PDB file of all heavy atoms in Angstrom:
ATOM      1  N   LEU A   1       0.821  -1.236  -0.049  1.00  0.00           N
ATOM      2  CA  LEU A   1      -0.011  -0.052  -0.082  1.00  0.00           C
ATOM      3  C   LEU A   1       0.876   1.256   0.135  1.00  0.00           C
ATOM      4  O   LEU A   1       0.403   2.297   0.570  1.00  0.00           O
ATOM      5  CB  LEU A   1      -0.936   0.005   1.179  1.00  0.00           C
ATOM      6  CG  LEU A   1      -1.930  -1.144   1.293  1.00  0.00           C
ATOM      7  CD1 LEU A   1      -2.596  -1.068   2.666  1.00  0.00           C
ATOM      8  CD2 LEU A   1      -2.802  -1.081   0.140  1.00  0.00           C
ATOM      9  N   TRP A   2       2.072   1.201  -0.558  1.00  0.00           N
ATOM     10  CA  TRP A   2       2.930   2.362  -0.453  1.00  0.00           C
ATOM     11  C   TRP A   2       2.384   3.509  -1.177  1.00  0.00           C
ATOM     12  O   TRP A   2       2.583   4.727  -0.687  1.00  0.00           O
ATOM     13  CB  TRP A   2       4.360   1.960  -1.026  1.00  0.00           C
ATOM     14  CG  TRP A   2       5.396   2.958  -0.806  1.00  0.00           C
ATOM     15  CD1 TRP A   2       5.852   3.859  -1.684  1.00  0.00           C
ATOM     16  CD2 TRP A   2       6.021   3.303   0.492  1.00  0.00           C
ATOM     17  NE1 TRP A   2       6.849   4.735  -1.120  1.00  0.00           N
ATOM     18  CE2 TRP A   2       6.901   4.375   0.274  1.00  0.00           C
ATOM     19  CE3 TRP A   2       5.852   2.787   1.783  1.00  0.00           C
ATOM     20  CZ2 TRP A   2       7.599   4.911   1.289  1.00  0.00           C
ATOM     21  CZ3 TRP A   2       6.676   3.292   2.829  1.00  0.00           C
ATOM     22  CH2 TRP A   2       7.485   4.426   2.544  1.00  0.00           C
ATOM     23  N   HIS A   3       1.671   3.473  -2.262  1.00  0.00           N
ATOM     24  CA  HIS A   3       1.261   4.561  -2.948  1.00  0.00           C
ATOM     25  C   HIS A   3      -0.016   5.054  -2.474  1.00  0.00           C
ATOM     26  O   HIS A   3      -0.583   6.111  -2.875  1.00  0.00           O
ATOM     27  CB  HIS A   3       1.069   4.139  -4.518  1.00  0.00           C
ATOM     28  CG  HIS A   3       2.418   3.726  -5.039  1.00  0.00           C
ATOM     29  ND1 HIS A   3       3.392   4.689  -5.280  1.00  0.00           N
ATOM     30  CD2 HIS A   3       2.818   2.576  -5.527  1.00  0.00           C
ATOM     31  CE1 HIS A   3       4.314   4.115  -5.840  1.00  0.00           C
ATOM     32  NE2 HIS A   3       4.116   2.771  -5.954  1.00  0.00           N
ATOM     33  N   ASP A   4      -0.768   4.381  -1.523  1.00  0.00           N
ATOM     34  CA  ASP A   4      -1.946   4.851  -0.980  1.00  0.00           C
ATOM     35  C   ASP A   4      -1.645   5.420   0.442  1.00  0.00           C
ATOM     36  O   ASP A   4      -1.187   4.730   1.343  1.00  0.00           O
ATOM     37  CB  ASP A   4      -2.894   3.653  -0.706  1.00  0.00           C
ATOM     38  CG  ASP A   4      -4.215   4.050  -0.112  1.00  0.00           C
ATOM     39  OD1 ASP A   4      -4.535   5.283  -0.023  1.00  0.00           O
ATOM     40  OD2 ASP A   4      -4.950   3.091   0.295  1.00  0.00           O
ATOM     41  N   ARG A   5      -1.839   6.669   0.557  1.00  0.00           N
ATOM     42  CA  ARG A   5      -1.249   7.396   1.810  1.00  0.00           C
ATOM     43  C   ARG A   5      -2.018   6.844   3.013  1.00  0.00           C
ATOM     44  O   ARG A   5      -1.281   6.592   4.008  1.00  0.00           O
ATOM     45  CB  ARG A   5      -1.472   8.859   1.605  1.00  0.00           C
ATOM     46  CG  ARG A   5      -0.960   9.629   2.683  1.00  0.00           C
ATOM     47  CD  ARG A   5      -1.163  11.182   2.482  1.00  0.00           C
ATOM     48  NE  ARG A   5      -0.670  11.895   3.637  1.00  0.00           N
ATOM     49  CZ  ARG A   5      -1.249  12.955   4.297  1.00  0.00           C
ATOM     50  NH1 ARG A   5      -2.397  13.356   3.693  1.00  0.00           N
ATOM     51  NH2 ARG A   5      -0.758  13.486   5.251  1.00  0.00           N
ATOM     52  N   ILE A   6      -3.202   6.813   2.996  1.00  0.00           N
ATOM     53  CA  ILE A   6      -4.021   6.344   4.167  1.00  0.00           C
ATOM     54  C   ILE A   6      -3.617   4.800   4.417  1.00  0.00           C
ATOM     55  O   ILE A   6      -3.391   4.491   5.641  1.00  0.00           O
ATOM     56  CB  ILE A   6      -5.460   6.555   4.086  1.00  0.00           C
ATOM     57  CG1 ILE A   6      -5.784   7.992   3.879  1.00  0.00           C
ATOM     58  CG2 ILE A   6      -6.346   5.896   5.181  1.00  0.00           C
ATOM     59  CD1 ILE A   6      -7.249   8.306   3.626  1.00  0.00           C
ATOM     60  N   GLY A   7      -3.623   4.033   3.484  1.00  0.00           N
ATOM     61  CA  GLY A   7      -3.303   2.660   3.620  1.00  0.00           C
ATOM     62  C   GLY A   7      -1.909   2.346   4.260  1.00  0.00           C
ATOM     63  O   GLY A   7      -1.681   1.570   5.039  1.00  0.00           O
ATOM     64  N   ARG A   8      -0.996   3.188   3.630  1.00  0.00           N
ATOM     65  CA  ARG A   8       0.500   3.061   4.122  1.00  0.00           C
ATOM     66  C   ARG A   8       0.606   3.443   5.612  1.00  0.00           C
ATOM     67  O   ARG A   8       1.186   2.631   6.285  1.00  0.00           O
ATOM     68  CB  ARG A   8       1.334   4.005   3.396  1.00  0.00           C
ATOM     69  CG  ARG A   8       2.728   3.995   3.797  1.00  0.00           C
ATOM     70  CD  ARG A   8       3.605   4.957   2.895  1.00  0.00           C
ATOM     71  NE  ARG A   8       3.165   6.324   3.055  1.00  0.00           N
ATOM     72  CZ  ARG A   8       3.068   7.070   1.921  1.00  0.00           C
ATOM     73  NH1 ARG A   8       3.341   6.698   0.751  1.00  0.00           N
ATOM     74  NH2 ARG A   8       2.580   8.351   2.038  1.00  0.00           N
ATOM     75  N   TRP A   9      -0.068   4.616   6.011  1.00  0.00           N
ATOM     76  CA  TRP A   9       0.019   4.919   7.443  1.00  0.00           C
ATOM     77  C   TRP A   9      -0.633   3.981   8.374  1.00  0.00           C
ATOM     78  O   TRP A   9      -0.304   3.778   9.479  1.00  0.00           O
ATOM     79  CB  TRP A   9      -0.486   6.446   7.609  1.00  0.00           C
ATOM     80  CG  TRP A   9       0.689   7.283   7.073  1.00  0.00           C
ATOM     81  CD1 TRP A   9       0.626   8.031   5.861  1.00  0.00           C
ATOM     82  CD2 TRP A   9       1.908   7.577   7.783  1.00  0.00           C
ATOM     83  NE1 TRP A   9       1.780   8.801   5.844  1.00  0.00           N
ATOM     84  CE2 TRP A   9       2.578   8.460   6.869  1.00  0.00           C
ATOM     85  CE3 TRP A   9       2.460   7.223   8.969  1.00  0.00           C
ATOM     86  CZ2 TRP A   9       3.833   8.955   7.237  1.00  0.00           C
ATOM     87  CZ3 TRP A   9       3.746   7.581   9.191  1.00  0.00           C
ATOM     88  CH2 TRP A   9       4.439   8.464   8.443  1.00  0.00           C
ATOM     89  N   SER A  10      -1.820   3.417   7.903  1.00  0.00           N
ATOM     90  CA  SER A  10      -2.638   2.484   8.710  1.00  0.00           C
ATOM     91  C   SER A  10      -1.806   1.266   8.911  1.00  0.00           C
ATOM     92  O   SER A  10      -1.678   0.658  10.011  1.00  0.00           O
ATOM     93  CB  SER A  10      -3.972   2.115   7.984  1.00  0.00           C
ATOM     94  OG  SER A  10      -4.688   3.277   7.781  1.00  0.00           O
ATOM     95  N   ALA A  11      -1.156   0.689   7.819  1.00  0.00           N
ATOM     96  CA  ALA A  11      -0.426  -0.576   7.997  1.00  0.00           C
ATOM     97  C   ALA A  11       0.891  -0.186   8.830  1.00  0.00           C
ATOM     98  O   ALA A  11       1.327  -1.169   9.608  1.00  0.00           O
ATOM     99  CB  ALA A  11       0.010  -0.976   6.648  1.00  0.00           C
ATOM    100  N   LEU A  12       1.484   0.882   8.627  1.00  0.00           N
ATOM    101  CA  LEU A  12       2.685   1.310   9.346  1.00  0.00           C
ATOM    102  C   LEU A  12       2.301   1.347  10.908  1.00  0.00           C
ATOM    103  O   LEU A  12       3.159   0.885  11.764  1.00  0.00           O
ATOM    104  CB  LEU A  12       3.211   2.515   8.908  1.00  0.00           C
ATOM    105  CG  LEU A  12       4.701   2.940   9.461  1.00  0.00           C
ATOM    106  CD1 LEU A  12       5.701   1.747   9.124  1.00  0.00           C
ATOM    107  CD2 LEU A  12       5.203   4.262   8.826  1.00  0.00           C
ATOM    108  N   THR A  13       1.216   1.915  11.221  1.00  0.00           N
ATOM    109  CA  THR A  13       0.681   2.095  12.574  1.00  0.00           C
ATOM    110  C   THR A  13       0.462   0.687  13.119  1.00  0.00           C
ATOM    111  O   THR A  13       0.945   0.412  14.352  1.00  0.00           O
ATOM    112  CB  THR A  13      -0.601   2.862  12.669  1.00  0.00           C
ATOM    113  OG1 THR A  13      -0.301   4.129  12.138  1.00  0.00           O
ATOM    114  CG2 THR A  13      -0.977   3.005  14.023  1.00  0.00           C
ATOM    115  N   ALA A  14      -0.124  -0.176  12.322  1.00  0.00           N
ATOM    116  CA  ALA A  14      -0.415  -1.564  12.894  1.00  0.00           C
ATOM    117  C   ALA A  14       0.984  -2.343  13.095  1.00  0.00           C
ATOM    118  O   ALA A  14       1.077  -2.956  14.193  1.00  0.00           O
ATOM    119  CB  ALA A  14      -1.229  -2.346  11.835  1.00  0.00           C
ATOM    120  N   ALA A  15       1.993  -2.249  12.290  1.00  0.00           N
ATOM    121  CA  ALA A  15       3.140  -2.880  12.308  1.00  0.00           C
ATOM    122  C   ALA A  15       3.907  -2.377  13.641  1.00  0.00           C
ATOM    123  O   ALA A  15       4.513  -3.161  14.374  1.00  0.00           O
ATOM    124  CB  ALA A  15       3.946  -2.654  11.129  1.00  0.00           C
ATOM    125  N   VAL A  16       3.929  -1.111  13.822  1.00  0.00           N
ATOM    126  CA  VAL A  16       4.656  -0.527  14.948  1.00  0.00           C
ATOM    127  C   VAL A  16       3.996  -0.941  16.215  1.00  0.00           C
ATOM    128  O   VAL A  16       4.607  -1.354  17.222  1.00  0.00           O
ATOM    129  CB  VAL A  16       4.711   1.023  14.875  1.00  0.00           C
ATOM    130  CG1 VAL A  16       5.223   1.669  16.166  1.00  0.00           C
ATOM    131  CG2 VAL A  16       5.701   1.371  13.742  1.00  0.00           C
ATOM    132  N   SER A  17       2.619  -0.985  16.207  1.00  0.00           N
ATOM    133  CA  SER A  17       1.893  -1.377  17.397  1.00  0.00           C
ATOM    134  C   SER A  17       2.189  -2.890  17.722  1.00  0.00           C
ATOM    135  O   SER A  17       2.319  -3.167  18.954  1.00  0.00           O
ATOM    136  CB  SER A  17       0.456  -1.176  17.192  1.00  0.00           C
ATOM    137  OG  SER A  17       0.075   0.143  16.905  1.00  0.00           O
ATOM    138  N   ILE A  18       2.202  -3.720  16.601  1.00  0.00           N
ATOM    139  CA  ILE A  18       2.519  -5.118  16.910  1.00  0.00           C
ATOM    140  C   ILE A  18       3.912  -5.332  17.466  1.00  0.00           C
ATOM    141  O   ILE A  18       4.159  -6.030  18.456  1.00  0.00           O
ATOM    142  CB  ILE A  18       2.368  -6.008  15.635  1.00  0.00           C
ATOM    143  CG1 ILE A  18       0.885  -5.957  15.229  1.00  0.00           C
ATOM    144  CG2 ILE A  18       2.899  -7.283  15.672  1.00  0.00           C
ATOM    145  CD1 ILE A  18       0.679  -6.519  13.875  1.00  0.00           C
ATOM    146  N   LEU A  19       4.795  -4.585  17.062  1.00  0.00           N
ATOM    147  CA  LEU A  19       6.231  -4.662  17.541  1.00  0.00           C
ATOM    148  C   LEU A  19       6.354  -4.192  18.914  1.00  0.00           C
ATOM    149  O   LEU A  19       7.147  -4.723  19.834  1.00  0.00           O
ATOM    150  CB  LEU A  19       7.177  -3.804  16.660  1.00  0.00           C
ATOM    151  CG  LEU A  19       7.565  -4.459  15.368  1.00  0.00           C
ATOM    152  CD1 LEU A  19       8.441  -3.491  14.540  1.00  0.00           C
ATOM    153  CD2 LEU A  19       8.286  -5.775  15.489  1.00  0.00           C
ATOM    154  N   ALA A  20       5.492  -3.178  19.359  1.00  0.00           N
ATOM    155  CA  ALA A  20       5.532  -2.655  20.732  1.00  0.00           C
ATOM    156  C   ALA A  20       4.848  -3.678  21.700  1.00  0.00           C
ATOM    157  O   ALA A  20       5.282  -3.774  22.924  1.00  0.00           O
ATOM    158  CB  ALA A  20       4.730  -1.371  20.869  1.00  0.00           C
ATOM    159  N   ILE A  21       3.824  -4.378  21.172  1.00  0.00           N
ATOM    160  CA  ILE A  21       3.111  -5.371  22.098  1.00  0.00           C
ATOM    161  C   ILE A  21       3.670  -6.742  22.159  1.00  0.00           C
ATOM    162  O   ILE A  21       3.588  -7.417  23.140  1.00  0.00           O
ATOM    163  CB  ILE A  21       1.635  -5.473  21.515  1.00  0.00           C
ATOM    164  CG1 ILE A  21       0.846  -4.143  21.680  1.00  0.00           C
ATOM    165  CG2 ILE A  21       0.888  -6.684  22.209  1.00  0.00           C
ATOM    166  CD1 ILE A  21      -0.418  -4.122  21.037  1.00  0.00           C
ATOM    167  N   ALA A  22       4.435  -7.204  21.140  1.00  0.00           N
ATOM    168  CA  ALA A  22       4.996  -8.468  20.988  1.00  0.00           C
ATOM    169  C   ALA A  22       5.804  -8.904  22.277  1.00  0.00           C
ATOM    170  O   ALA A  22       5.645 -10.047  22.761  1.00  0.00           O
ATOM    171  CB  ALA A  22       5.841  -8.695  19.698  1.00  0.00           C
ATOM    172  N   PRO A  23       6.746  -8.063  22.757  1.00  0.00           N
ATOM    173  CA  PRO A  23       7.473  -8.531  23.955  1.00  0.00           C
ATOM    174  C   PRO A  23       6.689  -8.860  25.149  1.00  0.00           C
ATOM    175  O   PRO A  23       7.017  -9.778  25.970  1.00  0.00           O
ATOM    176  CB  PRO A  23       8.405  -7.326  24.179  1.00  0.00           C
ATOM    177  CG  PRO A  23       8.485  -6.581  22.937  1.00  0.00           C
ATOM    178  CD  PRO A  23       7.106  -6.754  22.236  1.00  0.00           C
ATOM    179  N   PHE A  24       5.593  -8.219  25.258  1.00  0.00           N
ATOM    180  CA  PHE A  24       4.652  -8.414  26.484  1.00  0.00           C
ATOM    181  C   PHE A  24       3.764  -9.659  26.245  1.00  0.00           C
ATOM    182  O   PHE A  24       3.172 -10.187  27.244  1.00  0.00           O
ATOM    183  CB  PHE A  24       3.808  -7.210  26.860  1.00  0.00           C
ATOM    184  CG  PHE A  24       4.603  -5.944  27.002  1.00  0.00           C
ATOM    185  CD1 PHE A  24       4.791  -4.990  26.038  1.00  0.00           C
ATOM    186  CD2 PHE A  24       5.390  -5.832  28.258  1.00  0.00           C
ATOM    187  CE1 PHE A  24       5.603  -3.881  26.285  1.00  0.00           C
ATOM    188  CE2 PHE A  24       6.214  -4.720  28.467  1.00  0.00           C
ATOM    189  CZ  PHE A  24       6.252  -3.777  27.547  1.00  0.00           C
TER     190      PHE A  24
END
């Protein structure tokens, strides 16, 4: 979704959230 601005930011937010939650 790199060319879709909203999709890119949504996916990036989800990925960062998953990385933050995974250790716990």
